[in-house]
Amino acid sequence: MNKKFRIGISCHEANHVCDKSQYKESTFWEKVKLNIHLLYCKACREYTNANSKLTAAISDSKVTCMDKNSREYLKNEFNKALDDDSLSK
């Protein structure tokens, strides 16, 4: 039988499809196979639930990143401090 039309998937493949679904990169057929797998696999259901909670927590967070100029300045200052410290020893 053609591998493309196989309905049963392994836990490893189910977790991979779960991760792809999280970023909206999975196909309709992959989602169907994942949902069939989740009907009988408790471990993958728990993995999927944990993934969903993690995605929600990250998307709801108020974390902001440092801009590139500030990062470069901080990196340069850190390197200067390291050089000064190594020279004093």
N, C-alpha and C. Protein backbone atom coordinates (compact mmCIF):
# COMPACT_ATOMS: atom_id res chain seq x y z
N MET A 1 0.84 -1.18 0.00
CA MET A 1 0.00 0.00 0.00
C MET A 1 0.89 1.24 0.00
N ASN A 2 0.44 2.26 -0.66
CA ASN A 2 1.20 3.50 -0.76
C ASN A 2 1.32 4.14 0.62
N LYS A 3 2.53 4.54 0.96
CA LYS A 3 2.79 5.12 2.29
C LYS A 3 1.99 6.40 2.51
N LYS A 4 1.71 7.15 1.45
CA LYS A 4 1.00 8.42 1.56
C LYS A 4 -0.42 8.23 2.10
N PHE A 5 -1.05 7.11 1.79
CA PHE A 5 -2.43 6.90 2.18
C PHE A 5 -2.59 6.04 3.43
N ARG A 6 -1.51 5.78 4.12
CA ARG A 6 -1.55 5.02 5.36
C ARG A 6 -2.17 5.91 6.45
N ILE A 7 -3.10 5.38 7.20
CA ILE A 7 -3.80 6.17 8.21
C ILE A 7 -3.08 6.13 9.55
N GLY A 8 -2.58 4.98 9.96
CA GLY A 8 -1.90 4.85 11.24
C GLY A 8 -0.53 5.50 11.20
N ILE A 9 -0.19 6.24 12.25
CA ILE A 9 1.13 6.87 12.33
C ILE A 9 1.74 6.53 13.68
N SER A 10 3.06 6.61 13.74
CA SER A 10 3.76 6.33 14.98
C SER A 10 3.66 7.54 15.92
N CYS A 11 4.01 7.32 17.16
CA CYS A 11 4.00 8.42 18.14
C CYS A 11 5.00 9.50 17.74
N HIS A 12 6.14 9.08 17.23
CA HIS A 12 7.16 10.04 16.79
C HIS A 12 6.60 10.94 15.69
N GLU A 13 5.95 10.32 14.70
CA GLU A 13 5.36 11.10 13.61
C GLU A 13 4.21 11.97 14.12
N ALA A 14 3.42 11.45 15.04
CA ALA A 14 2.31 12.22 15.61
C ALA A 14 2.83 13.47 16.33
N ASN A 15 3.91 13.32 17.08
CA ASN A 15 4.49 14.48 17.77
C ASN A 15 5.03 15.49 16.77
N HIS A 16 5.62 15.01 15.68
CA HIS A 16 6.13 15.91 14.64
C HIS A 16 4.97 16.69 14.00
N VAL A 17 3.88 16.00 13.68
CA VAL A 17 2.71 16.66 13.09
C VAL A 17 2.10 17.65 14.08
N CYS A 18 2.09 17.29 15.35
CA CYS A 18 1.60 18.19 16.39
C CYS A 18 2.40 19.48 16.40
N ASP A 19 3.73 19.35 16.32
CA ASP A 19 4.59 20.53 16.29
C ASP A 19 4.34 21.36 15.03
N LYS A 20 4.17 20.69 13.89
CA LYS A 20 3.89 21.40 12.65
C LYS A 20 2.54 22.12 12.73
N SER A 21 1.56 21.49 13.34
CA SER A 21 0.24 22.09 13.47
C SER A 21 0.29 23.34 14.32
N GLN A 22 1.15 23.33 15.31
CA GLN A 22 1.30 24.46 16.21
C GLN A 22 1.70 25.72 15.42
N TYR A 23 2.46 25.54 14.35
CA TYR A 23 2.91 26.67 13.53
C TYR A 23 2.16 26.75 12.21
N LYS A 24 1.02 26.04 12.13
CA LYS A 24 0.16 26.03 10.96
C LYS A 24 0.91 25.61 9.69
N GLU A 25 1.75 24.59 9.82
CA GLU A 25 2.52 24.08 8.70
C GLU A 25 2.10 22.67 8.29
N SER A 26 1.11 22.10 8.95
CA SER A 26 0.69 20.73 8.64
C SER A 26 -0.42 20.75 7.59
N THR A 27 -0.48 19.67 6.84
CA THR A 27 -1.52 19.54 5.82
C THR A 27 -2.80 19.02 6.46
N PHE A 28 -3.88 19.10 5.70
CA PHE A 28 -5.16 18.59 6.18
C PHE A 28 -5.05 17.10 6.48
N TRP A 29 -4.41 16.33 5.58
CA TRP A 29 -4.29 14.88 5.76
C TRP A 29 -3.47 14.55 7.00
N GLU A 30 -2.41 15.32 7.27
CA GLU A 30 -1.61 15.10 8.47
C GLU A 30 -2.45 15.33 9.73
N LYS A 31 -3.28 16.36 9.70
CA LYS A 31 -4.14 16.64 10.85
C LYS A 31 -5.15 15.53 11.08
N VAL A 32 -5.69 14.98 9.99
CA VAL A 32 -6.64 13.87 10.10
C VAL A 32 -5.95 12.68 10.76
N LYS A 33 -4.76 12.32 10.26
CA LYS A 33 -4.03 11.18 10.82
C LYS A 33 -3.66 11.43 12.28
N LEU A 34 -3.28 12.67 12.61
CA LEU A 34 -2.96 13.00 14.00
C LEU A 34 -4.18 12.80 14.89
N ASN A 35 -5.33 13.31 14.47
CA ASN A 35 -6.53 13.19 15.29
C ASN A 35 -6.96 11.74 15.47
N ILE A 36 -6.77 10.91 14.46
CA ILE A 36 -7.07 9.48 14.60
C ILE A 36 -6.11 8.87 15.61
N HIS A 37 -4.84 9.22 15.52
CA HIS A 37 -3.84 8.70 16.46
C HIS A 37 -4.17 9.13 17.89
N LEU A 38 -4.61 10.37 18.04
CA LEU A 38 -4.91 10.89 19.38
C LEU A 38 -6.10 10.18 20.03
N LEU A 39 -6.95 9.56 19.22
CA LEU A 39 -8.10 8.83 19.77
C LEU A 39 -7.66 7.67 20.65
N TYR A 40 -6.53 7.04 20.31
CA TYR A 40 -6.12 5.85 21.05
C TYR A 40 -4.79 6.00 21.80
N CYS A 41 -4.12 7.13 21.67
CA CYS A 41 -2.82 7.26 22.32
C CYS A 41 -2.85 8.36 23.39
N LYS A 42 -2.87 7.96 24.63
CA LYS A 42 -2.94 8.90 25.74
C LYS A 42 -1.67 9.75 25.85
N ALA A 43 -0.51 9.16 25.62
CA ALA A 43 0.76 9.89 25.73
C ALA A 43 0.81 11.04 24.72
N CYS A 44 0.37 10.78 23.50
CA CYS A 44 0.39 11.84 22.48
C CYS A 44 -0.68 12.90 22.76
N ARG A 45 -1.81 12.49 23.35
CA ARG A 45 -2.82 13.49 23.75
C ARG A 45 -2.23 14.43 24.79
N GLU A 46 -1.50 13.87 25.75
CA GLU A 46 -0.87 14.70 26.79
C GLU A 46 0.18 15.62 26.18
N TYR A 47 0.96 15.10 25.23
CA TYR A 47 1.97 15.92 24.54
C TYR A 47 1.28 17.07 23.80
N THR A 48 0.19 16.77 23.10
CA THR A 48 -0.54 17.79 22.35
C THR A 48 -1.11 18.84 23.28
N ASN A 49 -1.67 18.42 24.42
CA ASN A 49 -2.22 19.38 25.38
C ASN A 49 -1.13 20.26 25.95
N ALA A 50 0.01 19.68 26.28
CA ALA A 50 1.13 20.47 26.80
C ALA A 50 1.62 21.47 25.76
N ASN A 51 1.70 21.04 24.50
CA ASN A 51 2.11 21.92 23.42
C ASN A 51 1.14 23.09 23.27
N SER A 52 -0.14 22.80 23.35
CA SER A 52 -1.16 23.85 23.23
C SER A 52 -1.04 24.87 24.35
N LYS A 53 -0.83 24.38 25.57
CA LYS A 53 -0.67 25.28 26.72
C LYS A 53 0.57 26.15 26.57
N LEU A 54 1.66 25.55 26.11
CA LEU A 54 2.91 26.29 25.91
C LEU A 54 2.73 27.37 24.85
N THR A 55 2.09 27.03 23.75
CA THR A 55 1.85 27.99 22.68
C THR A 55 1.01 29.15 23.18
N ALA A 56 -0.03 28.84 23.93
CA ALA A 56 -0.90 29.89 24.47
C ALA A 56 -0.14 30.78 25.45
N ALA A 57 0.68 30.18 26.29
CA ALA A 57 1.44 30.97 27.27
C ALA A 57 2.43 31.90 26.57
N ILE A 58 3.07 31.42 25.54
CA ILE A 58 4.04 32.25 24.83
C ILE A 58 3.34 33.36 24.06
N SER A 59 2.24 33.05 23.41
CA SER A 59 1.55 34.08 22.63
C SER A 59 0.89 35.13 23.53
N ASP A 60 0.54 34.76 24.76
CA ASP A 60 -0.08 35.71 25.69
C ASP A 60 0.94 36.49 26.51
N SER A 61 2.21 36.14 26.39
CA SER A 61 3.23 36.79 27.20
C SER A 61 3.48 38.22 26.72
N LYS A 62 3.96 39.03 27.61
CA LYS A 62 4.24 40.43 27.30
C LYS A 62 5.75 40.66 27.16
N VAL A 63 6.47 39.63 26.74
CA VAL A 63 7.93 39.71 26.62
C VAL A 63 8.29 40.51 25.38
N THR A 64 9.23 41.42 25.55
CA THR A 64 9.74 42.17 24.41
C THR A 64 11.23 41.91 24.30
N CYS A 65 11.72 41.96 23.09
CA CYS A 65 13.14 41.71 22.85
C CYS A 65 13.91 43.02 22.79
N MET A 66 15.17 42.93 23.15
CA MET A 66 16.05 44.09 23.09
C MET A 66 16.37 44.38 21.62
N ASP A 67 16.38 45.65 21.26
CA ASP A 67 16.68 45.99 19.87
C ASP A 67 18.16 45.70 19.57
N LYS A 68 18.48 45.61 18.29
CA LYS A 68 19.80 45.17 17.86
C LYS A 68 20.91 46.12 18.34
N ASN A 69 20.68 47.42 18.28
CA ASN A 69 21.71 48.38 18.71
C ASN A 69 22.03 48.24 20.20
N SER A 70 21.00 48.07 21.01
CA SER A 70 21.21 47.90 22.45
C SER A 70 21.95 46.61 22.74
N ARG A 71 21.62 45.55 21.99
CA ARG A 71 22.30 44.26 22.17
C ARG A 71 23.78 44.38 21.84
N GLU A 72 24.08 45.05 20.72
CA GLU A 72 25.48 45.23 20.32
C GLU A 72 26.25 46.06 21.35
N TYR A 73 25.63 47.12 21.86
CA TYR A 73 26.26 47.96 22.86
C TYR A 73 26.57 47.14 24.12
N LEU A 74 25.59 46.39 24.57
CA LEU A 74 25.75 45.56 25.77
C LEU A 74 26.85 44.51 25.55
N LYS A 75 26.87 43.92 24.38
CA LYS A 75 27.89 42.91 24.06
C LYS A 75 29.28 43.54 24.08
N ASN A 76 29.42 44.71 23.49
CA ASN A 76 30.72 45.40 23.48
C ASN A 76 31.17 45.76 24.89
N GLU A 77 30.25 46.26 25.69
CA GLU A 77 30.59 46.62 27.07
C GLU A 77 31.00 45.38 27.87
N PHE A 78 30.31 44.29 27.65
CA PHE A 78 30.63 43.04 28.33
C PHE A 78 32.03 42.57 27.92
N ASN A 79 32.31 42.61 26.63
CA ASN A 79 33.63 42.18 26.16
C ASN A 79 34.73 43.08 26.71
N LYS A 80 34.47 44.39 26.80
CA LYS A 80 35.46 45.31 27.38
C LYS A 80 35.72 44.96 28.83
N ALA A 81 34.65 44.68 29.57
CA ALA A 81 34.80 44.32 30.98
C ALA A 81 35.58 43.01 31.13
N LEU A 82 35.35 42.06 30.25
CA LEU A 82 36.10 40.80 30.28
C LEU A 82 37.58 41.05 29.99
N ASP A 83 37.86 41.89 29.00
CA ASP A 83 39.25 42.20 28.66
C ASP A 83 39.94 42.91 29.81
N ASP A 84 39.26 43.87 30.43
CA ASP A 84 39.84 44.61 31.56
C ASP A 84 40.13 43.67 32.73
N ASP A 85 39.20 42.74 32.96
CA ASP A 85 39.35 41.79 34.06
C ASP A 85 40.52 40.85 33.80
N SER A 86 40.68 40.39 32.55
CA SER A 86 41.75 39.45 32.25
C SER A 86 43.12 40.16 32.29
N LEU A 87 43.15 41.46 32.01
CA LEU A 87 44.40 42.20 32.06
C LEU A 87 44.86 42.45 33.49
N SER A 88 43.90 42.56 34.40
CA SER A 88 44.25 42.85 35.80
C SER A 88 44.76 41.61 36.54
N LYS A 89 44.64 40.45 35.97
CA LYS A 89 45.08 39.22 36.66
C LYS A 89 46.52 38.95 36.42
